[in-house]
């Protein structure tokens, strides 16, 4: 299913509201309010996408920070913290150049 951007909802809502207002607002008031609903829905969709994008960006930054705080043992492939001097699995000395 195709996702429709919020701007499209706003444009459709403005078109419906203006068209129903100029034709005859007394007979087509339901269409006028339906157009206003489309505008409100489009604005809400844009705002929610912005907020969710910010949360997703923060989540990616947190994952990146977590990923940068570990390294792999070059001998056995065990994951170790940056502060570890030796591998917990095989005992190989860990060097600063062994980052992921």
PDB file of N, CA and C in Angstrom:
ATOM      1  N   UNK A   1       0.833  -1.170   0.000  1.00  0.00           N
ATOM      2  CA  UNK A   1       0.000   0.000   0.000  1.00  0.00           C
ATOM      3  C   UNK A   1       0.891   1.251   0.000  1.00  0.00           C
ATOM      4  N   UNK A   2       0.509   2.231  -0.756  1.00  0.00           N
ATOM      5  CA  UNK A   2       1.281   3.455  -0.906  1.00  0.00           C
ATOM      6  C   UNK A   2       0.998   4.384   0.278  1.00  0.00           C
ATOM      7  N   UNK A   3       2.062   4.943   0.838  1.00  0.00           N
ATOM      8  CA  UNK A   3       1.890   5.911   1.915  1.00  0.00           C
ATOM      9  C   UNK A   3       1.713   7.298   1.298  1.00  0.00           C
ATOM     10  N   UNK A   4       0.712   8.007   1.782  1.00  0.00           N
ATOM     11  CA  UNK A   4       0.426   9.342   1.271  1.00  0.00           C
ATOM     12  C   UNK A   4       1.009  10.361   2.236  1.00  0.00           C
ATOM     13  N   UNK A   5       1.772  11.292   1.721  1.00  0.00           N
ATOM     14  CA  UNK A   5       2.400  12.321   2.536  1.00  0.00           C
ATOM     15  C   UNK A   5       1.345  13.282   3.062  1.00  0.00           C
ATOM     16  N   UNK A   6       1.618  13.889   4.199  1.00  0.00           N
ATOM     17  CA  UNK A   6       0.680  14.804   4.828  1.00  0.00           C
ATOM     18  C   UNK A   6       0.348  16.022   3.989  1.00  0.00           C
ATOM     19  N   UNK A   7       1.294  16.460   3.167  1.00  0.00           N
ATOM     20  CA  UNK A   7       1.056  17.638   2.322  1.00  0.00           C
ATOM     21  C   UNK A   7      -0.061  17.353   1.318  1.00  0.00           C
ATOM     22  N   UNK A   8      -0.142  16.127   0.836  1.00  0.00           N
ATOM     23  CA  UNK A   8      -1.211  15.761  -0.102  1.00  0.00           C
ATOM     24  C   UNK A   8      -2.566  15.872   0.580  1.00  0.00           C
ATOM     25  N   UNK A   9      -2.663  15.400   1.819  1.00  0.00           N
ATOM     26  CA  UNK A   9      -3.915  15.525   2.567  1.00  0.00           C
ATOM     27  C   UNK A   9      -4.301  16.997   2.752  1.00  0.00           C
ATOM     28  N   UNK A  10      -3.306  17.820   3.054  1.00  0.00           N
ATOM     29  CA  UNK A  10      -3.579  19.252   3.241  1.00  0.00           C
ATOM     30  C   UNK A  10      -4.084  19.870   1.940  1.00  0.00           C
ATOM     31  N   UNK A  11      -3.421  19.573   0.831  1.00  0.00           N
ATOM     32  CA  UNK A  11      -3.844  20.135  -0.456  1.00  0.00           C
ATOM     33  C   UNK A  11      -5.242  19.673  -0.857  1.00  0.00           C
ATOM     34  N   UNK A  12      -5.533  18.391  -0.661  1.00  0.00           N
ATOM     35  CA  UNK A  12      -6.870  17.881  -0.975  1.00  0.00           C
ATOM     36  C   UNK A  12      -7.911  18.542  -0.084  1.00  0.00           C
ATOM     37  N   UNK A  13      -7.604  18.681   1.189  1.00  0.00           N
ATOM     38  CA  UNK A  13      -8.538  19.315   2.113  1.00  0.00           C
ATOM     39  C   UNK A  13      -8.818  20.759   1.763  1.00  0.00           C
ATOM     40  N   UNK A  14      -7.777  21.497   1.390  1.00  0.00           N
ATOM     41  CA  UNK A  14      -7.962  22.897   0.992  1.00  0.00           C
ATOM     42  C   UNK A  14      -8.818  22.974  -0.273  1.00  0.00           C
ATOM     43  N   UNK A  15      -8.536  22.107  -1.234  1.00  0.00           N
ATOM     44  CA  UNK A  15      -9.319  22.103  -2.471  1.00  0.00           C
ATOM     45  C   UNK A  15     -10.793  21.797  -2.199  1.00  0.00           C
ATOM     46  N   UNK A  16     -11.070  20.777  -1.404  1.00  0.00           N
ATOM     47  CA  UNK A  16     -12.460  20.406  -1.100  1.00  0.00           C
ATOM     48  C   UNK A  16     -13.169  21.535  -0.360  1.00  0.00           C
ATOM     49  N   UNK A  17     -12.493  22.122   0.622  1.00  0.00           N
ATOM     50  CA  UNK A  17     -13.122  23.201   1.403  1.00  0.00           C
ATOM     51  C   UNK A  17     -13.418  24.422   0.552  1.00  0.00           C
ATOM     52  N   UNK A  18     -12.464  24.828  -0.260  1.00  0.00           N
ATOM     53  CA  UNK A  18     -12.664  26.015  -1.105  1.00  0.00           C
ATOM     54  C   UNK A  18     -13.742  25.744  -2.149  1.00  0.00           C
ATOM     55  N   UNK A  19     -13.703  24.578  -2.778  1.00  0.00           N
ATOM     56  CA  UNK A  19     -14.702  24.252  -3.798  1.00  0.00           C
ATOM     57  C   UNK A  19     -16.105  24.212  -3.200  1.00  0.00           C
ATOM     58  N   UNK A  20     -16.262  23.602  -2.038  1.00  0.00           N
ATOM     59  CA  UNK A  20     -17.597  23.524  -1.426  1.00  0.00           C
ATOM     60  C   UNK A  20     -18.058  24.896  -0.929  1.00  0.00           C
ATOM     61  N   UNK A  21     -17.125  25.730  -0.509  1.00  0.00           N
ATOM     62  CA  UNK A  21     -17.491  27.075  -0.044  1.00  0.00           C
ATOM     63  C   UNK A  21     -17.990  27.933  -1.207  1.00  0.00           C
ATOM     64  N   UNK A  22     -17.315  27.867  -2.343  1.00  0.00           N
ATOM     65  CA  UNK A  22     -17.708  28.706  -3.481  1.00  0.00           C
ATOM     66  C   UNK A  22     -18.932  28.171  -4.215  1.00  0.00           C
ATOM     67  N   UNK A  23     -19.157  26.881  -4.176  1.00  0.00           N
ATOM     68  CA  UNK A  23     -20.337  26.336  -4.853  1.00  0.00           C
ATOM     69  C   UNK A  23     -21.582  26.739  -4.077  1.00  0.00           C
ATOM     70  N   UNK A  24     -21.665  26.310  -2.838  1.00  0.00           N
ATOM     71  CA  UNK A  24     -22.778  26.706  -1.986  1.00  0.00           C
ATOM     72  C   UNK A  24     -22.507  26.138  -0.605  1.00  0.00           C
ATOM     73  N   UNK A  25     -22.047  26.970   0.281  1.00  0.00           N
ATOM     74  CA  UNK A  25     -21.628  26.508   1.595  1.00  0.00           C
ATOM     75  C   UNK A  25     -22.804  25.979   2.412  1.00  0.00           C
ATOM     76  N   UNK A  26     -24.015  26.458   2.173  1.00  0.00           N
ATOM     77  CA  UNK A  26     -25.170  26.002   2.952  1.00  0.00           C
ATOM     78  C   UNK A  26     -25.540  24.558   2.622  1.00  0.00           C
ATOM     79  N   UNK A  27     -25.436  24.162   1.380  1.00  0.00           N
ATOM     80  CA  UNK A  27     -25.792  22.803   0.988  1.00  0.00           C
ATOM     81  C   UNK A  27     -24.623  21.825   1.125  1.00  0.00           C
ATOM     82  N   UNK A  28     -23.421  22.319   1.030  1.00  0.00           N
ATOM     83  CA  UNK A  28     -22.248  21.445   1.038  1.00  0.00           C
ATOM     84  C   UNK A  28     -21.380  21.640   2.282  1.00  0.00           C
ATOM     85  N   UNK A  29     -21.995  21.978   3.399  1.00  0.00           N
ATOM     86  CA  UNK A  29     -21.210  22.226   4.608  1.00  0.00           C
ATOM     87  C   UNK A  29     -20.494  20.967   5.090  1.00  0.00           C
ATOM     88  N   UNK A  30     -21.055  19.791   4.803  1.00  0.00           N
ATOM     89  CA  UNK A  30     -20.393  18.539   5.197  1.00  0.00           C
ATOM     90  C   UNK A  30     -19.064  18.404   4.456  1.00  0.00           C
ATOM     91  N   UNK A  31     -19.041  18.770   3.179  1.00  0.00           N
ATOM     92  CA  UNK A  31     -17.804  18.707   2.415  1.00  0.00           C
ATOM     93  C   UNK A  31     -16.801  19.749   2.905  1.00  0.00           C
ATOM     94  N   UNK A  32     -17.296  20.914   3.316  1.00  0.00           N
ATOM     95  CA  UNK A  32     -16.408  21.934   3.852  1.00  0.00           C
ATOM     96  C   UNK A  32     -15.695  21.408   5.097  1.00  0.00           C
ATOM     97  N   UNK A  33     -16.453  20.791   6.013  1.00  0.00           N
ATOM     98  CA  UNK A  33     -15.849  20.257   7.233  1.00  0.00           C
ATOM     99  C   UNK A  33     -14.997  19.018   6.957  1.00  0.00           C
ATOM    100  N   UNK A  34     -15.381  18.250   5.954  1.00  0.00           N
ATOM    101  CA  UNK A  34     -14.545  17.111   5.567  1.00  0.00           C
ATOM    102  C   UNK A  34     -13.193  17.600   5.043  1.00  0.00           C
ATOM    103  N   UNK A  35     -13.211  18.687   4.287  1.00  0.00           N
ATOM    104  CA  UNK A  35     -11.957  19.278   3.810  1.00  0.00           C
ATOM    105  C   UNK A  35     -11.101  19.776   4.959  1.00  0.00           C
ATOM    106  N   UNK A  36     -11.744  20.397   5.949  1.00  0.00           N
ATOM    107  CA  UNK A  36     -11.004  20.861   7.132  1.00  0.00           C
ATOM    108  C   UNK A  36     -10.423  19.675   7.908  1.00  0.00           C
ATOM    109  N   UNK A  37     -11.166  18.568   7.924  1.00  0.00           N
ATOM    110  CA  UNK A  37     -10.649  17.358   8.569  1.00  0.00           C
ATOM    111  C   UNK A  37      -9.406  16.854   7.844  1.00  0.00           C
ATOM    112  N   UNK A  38      -9.434  16.866   6.523  1.00  0.00           N
ATOM    113  CA  UNK A  38      -8.262  16.450   5.744  1.00  0.00           C
ATOM    114  C   UNK A  38      -7.062  17.342   6.053  1.00  0.00           C
ATOM    115  N   UNK A  39      -7.294  18.630   6.170  1.00  0.00           N
ATOM    116  CA  UNK A  39      -6.201  19.559   6.494  1.00  0.00           C
ATOM    117  C   UNK A  39      -5.633  19.228   7.868  1.00  0.00           C
ATOM    118  N   UNK A  40      -6.514  19.042   8.859  1.00  0.00           N
ATOM    119  CA  UNK A  40      -6.058  18.731  10.215  1.00  0.00           C
ATOM    120  C   UNK A  40      -5.315  17.395  10.246  1.00  0.00           C
ATOM    121  N   UNK A  41      -5.823  16.413   9.516  1.00  0.00           N
ATOM    122  CA  UNK A  41      -5.172  15.109   9.468  1.00  0.00           C
ATOM    123  C   UNK A  41      -3.791  15.208   8.823  1.00  0.00           C
ATOM    124  N   UNK A  42      -3.677  15.983   7.773  1.00  0.00           N
ATOM    125  CA  UNK A  42      -2.382  16.167   7.112  1.00  0.00           C
ATOM    126  C   UNK A  42      -1.366  16.832   8.017  1.00  0.00           C
ATOM    127  N   UNK A  43      -1.809  17.844   8.752  1.00  0.00           N
ATOM    128  CA  UNK A  43      -0.906  18.524   9.690  1.00  0.00           C
ATOM    129  C   UNK A  43      -0.468  17.566  10.791  1.00  0.00           C
ATOM    130  N   UNK A  44      -1.427  16.807  11.333  1.00  0.00           N
ATOM    131  CA  UNK A  44      -1.094  15.843  12.389  1.00  0.00           C
ATOM    132  C   UNK A  44      -0.119  14.782  11.884  1.00  0.00           C
ATOM    133  N   UNK A  45      -0.319  14.342  10.658  1.00  0.00           N
ATOM    134  CA  UNK A  45       0.571  13.331  10.084  1.00  0.00           C
ATOM    135  C   UNK A  45       1.996  13.862   9.931  1.00  0.00           C
ATOM    136  N   UNK A  46       2.130  15.096   9.487  1.00  0.00           N
ATOM    137  CA  UNK A  46       3.453  15.693   9.335  1.00  0.00           C
ATOM    138  C   UNK A  46       4.140  15.837  10.688  1.00  0.00           C
ATOM    139  N   UNK A  47       3.397  16.313  11.680  1.00  0.00           N
ATOM    140  CA  UNK A  47       3.965  16.495  13.021  1.00  0.00           C
ATOM    141  C   UNK A  47       4.386  15.148  13.612  1.00  0.00           C
ATOM    142  N   UNK A  48       3.543  14.138  13.506  1.00  0.00           N
ATOM    143  CA  UNK A  48       3.886  12.821  14.046  1.00  0.00           C
ATOM    144  C   UNK A  48       5.078  12.205  13.330  1.00  0.00           C
ATOM    145  N   UNK A  49       5.160  12.371  12.024  1.00  0.00           N
ATOM    146  CA  UNK A  49       6.325  11.860  11.293  1.00  0.00           C
ATOM    147  C   UNK A  49       7.601  12.556  11.740  1.00  0.00           C
ATOM    148  N   UNK A  50       7.506  13.844  12.015  1.00  0.00           N
ATOM    149  CA  UNK A  50       8.679  14.581  12.498  1.00  0.00           C
ATOM    150  C   UNK A  50       9.103  14.069  13.867  1.00  0.00           C
ATOM    151  N   UNK A  51       8.132  13.885  14.764  1.00  0.00           N
ATOM    152  CA  UNK A  51       8.446  13.404  16.113  1.00  0.00           C
ATOM    153  C   UNK A  51       9.023  11.993  16.057  1.00  0.00           C
ATOM    154  N   UNK A  52       8.412  11.124  15.266  1.00  0.00           N
ATOM    155  CA  UNK A  52       8.908   9.749  15.158  1.00  0.00           C
ATOM    156  C   UNK A  52      10.290   9.712  14.515  1.00  0.00           C
ATOM    157  N   UNK A  53      10.548  10.613  13.581  1.00  0.00           N
ATOM    158  CA  UNK A  53      11.872  10.695  12.966  1.00  0.00           C
ATOM    159  C   UNK A  53      12.933  11.104  13.967  1.00  0.00           C
ATOM    160  N   UNK A  54      12.571  12.027  14.850  1.00  0.00           N
ATOM    161  CA  UNK A  54      13.502  12.445  15.894  1.00  0.00           C
ATOM    162  C   UNK A  54      13.810  11.286  16.838  1.00  0.00           C
ATOM    163  N   UNK A  55      12.770  10.532  17.219  1.00  0.00           N
ATOM    164  CA  UNK A  55      12.976   9.386  18.107  1.00  0.00           C
ATOM    165  C   UNK A  55      13.828   8.321  17.433  1.00  0.00           C
ATOM    166  N   UNK A  56      13.588   8.087  16.151  1.00  0.00           N
ATOM    167  CA  UNK A  56      14.371   7.101  15.416  1.00  0.00           C
ATOM    168  C   UNK A  56      15.832   7.531  15.313  1.00  0.00           C
ATOM    169  N   UNK A  57      16.051   8.817  15.126  1.00  0.00           N
ATOM    170  CA  UNK A  57      17.415   9.330  15.042  1.00  0.00           C
ATOM    171  C   UNK A  57      18.132   9.163  16.380  1.00  0.00           C
ATOM    172  N   UNK A  58      17.438   9.435  17.489  1.00  0.00           N
ATOM    173  CA  UNK A  58      18.033   9.248  18.807  1.00  0.00           C
ATOM    174  C   UNK A  58      18.337   7.778  19.062  1.00  0.00           C
ATOM    175  N   UNK A  59      17.448   6.902  18.603  1.00  0.00           N
ATOM    176  CA  UNK A  59      17.658   5.472  18.769  1.00  0.00           C
ATOM    177  C   UNK A  59      18.897   5.020  17.989  1.00  0.00           C
ATOM    178  N   UNK A  60      19.062   5.519  16.769  1.00  0.00           N
ATOM    179  CA  UNK A  60      20.222   5.173  15.955  1.00  0.00           C
ATOM    180  C   UNK A  60      21.515   5.672  16.596  1.00  0.00           C
ATOM    181  N   UNK A  61      21.468   6.866  17.183  1.00  0.00           N
ATOM    182  CA  UNK A  61      22.649   7.406  17.855  1.00  0.00           C
ATOM    183  C   UNK A  61      23.018   6.551  19.061  1.00  0.00           C
ATOM    184  N   UNK A  62      22.000   6.089  19.797  1.00  0.00           N
ATOM    185  CA  UNK A  62      22.268   5.243  20.954  1.00  0.00           C
ATOM    186  C   UNK A  62      22.875   3.917  20.522  1.00  0.00           C
ATOM    187  N   UNK A  63      22.362   3.333  19.442  1.00  0.00           N
ATOM    188  CA  UNK A  63      22.908   2.079  18.933  1.00  0.00           C
ATOM    189  C   UNK A  63      24.349   2.291  18.486  1.00  0.00           C
ATOM    190  N   UNK A  64      24.613   3.422  17.860  1.00  0.00           N
ATOM    191  CA  UNK A  64      25.963   3.712  17.388  1.00  0.00           C
ATOM    192  C   UNK A  64      26.925   3.881  18.571  1.00  0.00           C
ATOM    193  N   UNK A  65      26.473   4.541  19.634  1.00  0.00           N
ATOM    194  CA  UNK A  65      27.317   4.691  20.826  1.00  0.00           C
ATOM    195  C   UNK A  65      27.611   3.338  21.452  1.00  0.00           C
ATOM    196  N   UNK A  66      26.595   2.484  21.538  1.00  0.00           N
ATOM    197  CA  UNK A  66      26.776   1.153  22.112  1.00  0.00           C
ATOM    198  C   UNK A  66      27.743   0.342  21.266  1.00  0.00           C
ATOM    199  N   UNK A  67      27.591   0.451  19.952  1.00  0.00           N
ATOM    200  CA  UNK A  67      28.461  -0.298  19.046  1.00  0.00           C
ATOM    201  C   UNK A  67      29.908   0.157  19.175  1.00  0.00           C
ATOM    202  N   UNK A  68      30.132   1.422  19.430  1.00  0.00           N
ATOM    203  CA  UNK A  68      31.490   1.953  19.525  1.00  0.00           C
ATOM    204  C   UNK A  68      32.148   1.613  20.853  1.00  0.00           C
ATOM    205  N   UNK A  69      31.404   1.099  21.831  1.00  0.00           N
ATOM    206  CA  UNK A  69      32.002   0.810  23.126  1.00  0.00           C
ATOM    207  C   UNK A  69      32.460  -0.647  23.243  1.00  0.00           C
ATOM    208  N   UNK A  70      32.471  -1.381  22.144  1.00  0.00           N
ATOM    209  CA  UNK A  70      32.912  -2.769  22.138  1.00  0.00           C
ATOM    210  C   UNK A  70      33.937  -3.007  21.037  1.00  0.00           C
ATOM    211  N   UNK A  71      34.662  -4.102  21.196  1.00  0.00           N
ATOM    212  CA  UNK A  71      35.599  -4.531  20.168  1.00  0.00           C
ATOM    213  C   UNK A  71      35.631  -6.053  20.151  1.00  0.00           C
ATOM    214  N   UNK A  72      36.220  -6.616  19.094  1.00  0.00           N
ATOM    215  CA  UNK A  72      36.288  -8.065  18.933  1.00  0.00           C
ATOM    216  C   UNK A  72      37.705  -8.558  19.170  1.00  0.00           C
ATOM    217  N   UNK A  73      37.767  -9.742  19.716  1.00  0.00           N
ATOM    218  CA  UNK A  73      39.060 -10.411  19.860  1.00  0.00           C
ATOM    219  C   UNK A  73      39.495 -10.886  18.476  1.00  0.00           C
ATOM    220  N   UNK A  74      40.752 -10.632  18.110  1.00  0.00           N
ATOM    221  CA  UNK A  74      41.222 -11.019  16.784  1.00  0.00           C
ATOM    222  C   UNK A  74      41.469 -12.519  16.687  1.00  0.00           C
ATOM    223  N   UNK A  75      41.540 -13.196  17.805  1.00  0.00           N
ATOM    224  CA  UNK A  75      41.828 -14.632  17.785  1.00  0.00           C
ATOM    225  C   UNK A  75      40.560 -15.487  17.766  1.00  0.00           C
ATOM    226  N   UNK A  76      39.616 -15.189  18.689  1.00  0.00           N
ATOM    227  CA  UNK A  76      38.433 -16.054  18.791  1.00  0.00           C
ATOM    228  C   UNK A  76      37.141 -15.354  18.365  1.00  0.00           C
ATOM    229  N   UNK A  77      37.162 -14.044  18.181  1.00  0.00           N
ATOM    230  CA  UNK A  77      35.973 -13.311  17.753  1.00  0.00           C
ATOM    231  C   UNK A  77      35.029 -12.928  18.880  1.00  0.00           C
ATOM    232  N   UNK A  78      35.424 -13.156  20.113  1.00  0.00           N
ATOM    233  CA  UNK A  78      34.597 -12.799  21.264  1.00  0.00           C
ATOM    234  C   UNK A  78      34.469 -11.274  21.360  1.00  0.00           C
ATOM    235  N   UNK A  79      33.294 -10.807  21.761  1.00  0.00           N
ATOM    236  CA  UNK A  79      33.072  -9.374  21.921  1.00  0.00           C
ATOM    237  C   UNK A  79      33.501  -8.970  23.328  1.00  0.00           C
ATOM    238  N   UNK A  80      34.309  -7.911  23.416  1.00  0.00           N
ATOM    239  CA  UNK A  80      34.812  -7.432  24.702  1.00  0.00           C
ATOM    240  C   UNK A  80      34.620  -5.922  24.795  1.00  0.00           C
ATOM    241  N   UNK A  81      34.582  -5.421  26.008  1.00  0.00           N
ATOM    242  CA  UNK A  81      34.470  -3.975  26.225  1.00  0.00           C
ATOM    243  C   UNK A  81      35.800  -3.301  25.880  1.00  0.00           C
ATOM    244  N   UNK A  82      35.743  -1.998  25.649  1.00  0.00           N
ATOM    245  CA  UNK A  82      36.965  -1.259  25.328  1.00  0.00           C
ATOM    246  C   UNK A  82      37.951  -1.245  26.487  1.00  0.00           C
ATOM    247  N   UNK A  83      37.446  -1.381  27.695  1.00  0.00           N
ATOM    248  CA  UNK A  83      38.313  -1.319  28.869  1.00  0.00           C
ATOM    249  C   UNK A  83      38.989  -2.653  29.181  1.00  0.00           C
ATOM    250  N   UNK A  84      38.550  -3.739  28.530  1.00  0.00           N
ATOM    251  CA  UNK A  84      39.165  -5.052  28.781  1.00  0.00           C
ATOM    252  C   UNK A  84      40.563  -5.101  28.180  1.00  0.00           C
ATOM    253  N   UNK A  85      41.512  -5.635  28.977  1.00  0.00           N
ATOM    254  CA  UNK A  85      42.882  -5.788  28.493  1.00  0.00           C
ATOM    255  C   UNK A  85      43.114  -7.157  27.863  1.00  0.00           C
ATOM    256  N   UNK A  86      42.336  -8.145  28.316  1.00  0.00           N
ATOM    257  CA  UNK A  86      42.471  -9.498  27.805  1.00  0.00           C
ATOM    258  C   UNK A  86      41.101 -10.044  27.444  1.00  0.00           C
ATOM    259  N   UNK A  87      41.073 -10.956  26.490  1.00  0.00           N
ATOM    260  CA  UNK A  87      39.827 -11.596  26.070  1.00  0.00           C
ATOM    261  C   UNK A  87      39.341 -12.524  27.175  1.00  0.00           C
ATOM    262  N   UNK A  88      38.061 -12.453  27.509  1.00  0.00           N
ATOM    263  CA  UNK A  88      37.499 -13.288  28.571  1.00  0.00           C
ATOM    264  C   UNK A  88      37.401 -14.748  28.145  1.00  0.00           C
ATOM    265  N   UNK A  89      37.361 -15.029  26.839  1.00  0.00           N
ATOM    266  CA  UNK A  89      37.204 -16.402  26.368  1.00  0.00           C
ATOM    267  C   UNK A  89      38.558 -17.102  26.193  1.00  0.00           C
ATOM    268  N   UNK A  90      39.486 -16.453  25.495  1.00  0.00           N
ATOM    269  CA  UNK A  90      40.740 -17.150  25.172  1.00  0.00           C
ATOM    270  C   UNK A  90      41.963 -16.557  25.869  1.00  0.00           C
ATOM    271  N   UNK A  91      41.849 -15.385  26.477  1.00  0.00           N
ATOM    272  CA  UNK A  91      42.962 -14.798  27.209  1.00  0.00           C
ATOM    273  C   UNK A  91      43.945 -14.008  26.363  1.00  0.00           C
ATOM    274  N   UNK A  92      43.656 -13.808  25.090  1.00  0.00           N
ATOM    275  CA  UNK A  92      44.542 -13.045  24.213  1.00  0.00           C
ATOM    276  C   UNK A  92      44.543 -11.586  24.627  1.00  0.00           C
ATOM    277  N   UNK A  93      45.721 -10.965  24.566  1.00  0.00           N
ATOM    278  CA  UNK A  93      45.834  -9.551  24.908  1.00  0.00           C
ATOM    279  C   UNK A  93      45.089  -8.707  23.872  1.00  0.00           C
ATOM    280  N   UNK A  94      44.274  -7.753  24.356  1.00  0.00           N
ATOM    281  CA  UNK A  94      43.482  -6.890  23.491  1.00  0.00           C
ATOM    282  C   UNK A  94      44.249  -5.593  23.260  1.00  0.00           C
ATOM    283  N   UNK A  95      44.303  -5.153  22.030  1.00  0.00           N
ATOM    284  CA  UNK A  95      44.991  -3.920  21.659  1.00  0.00           C
ATOM    285  C   UNK A  95      43.961  -2.882  21.253  1.00  0.00           C
ATOM    286  N   UNK A  96      44.334  -1.617  21.337  1.00  0.00           N
ATOM    287  CA  UNK A  96      43.426  -0.527  21.006  1.00  0.00           C
ATOM    288  C   UNK A  96      43.058  -0.542  19.525  1.00  0.00           C
ATOM    289  N   UNK A  97      43.874  -1.131  18.689  1.00  0.00           N
ATOM    290  CA  UNK A  97      43.608  -1.160  17.250  1.00  0.00           C
ATOM    291  C   UNK A  97      42.597  -2.242  16.870  1.00  0.00           C
ATOM    292  N   UNK A  98      42.060  -2.985  17.820  1.00  0.00           N
ATOM    293  CA  UNK A  98      41.141  -4.087  17.530  1.00  0.00           C
ATOM    294  C   UNK A  98      39.673  -3.659  17.582  1.00  0.00           C
ATOM    295  N   UNK A  99      39.402  -2.429  17.291  1.00  0.00           N
ATOM    296  CA  UNK A  99      38.032  -1.987  17.289  1.00  0.00           C
ATOM    297  C   UNK A  99      37.308  -2.594  16.108  1.00  0.00           C
ATOM    298  N   UNK A 100      35.991  -2.691  16.180  1.00  0.00           N
ATOM    299  CA  UNK A 100      35.171  -3.299  15.113  1.00  0.00           C
ATOM    300  C   UNK A 100      35.525  -2.748  13.775  1.00  0.00           C
TER     301      UNK A 100
END
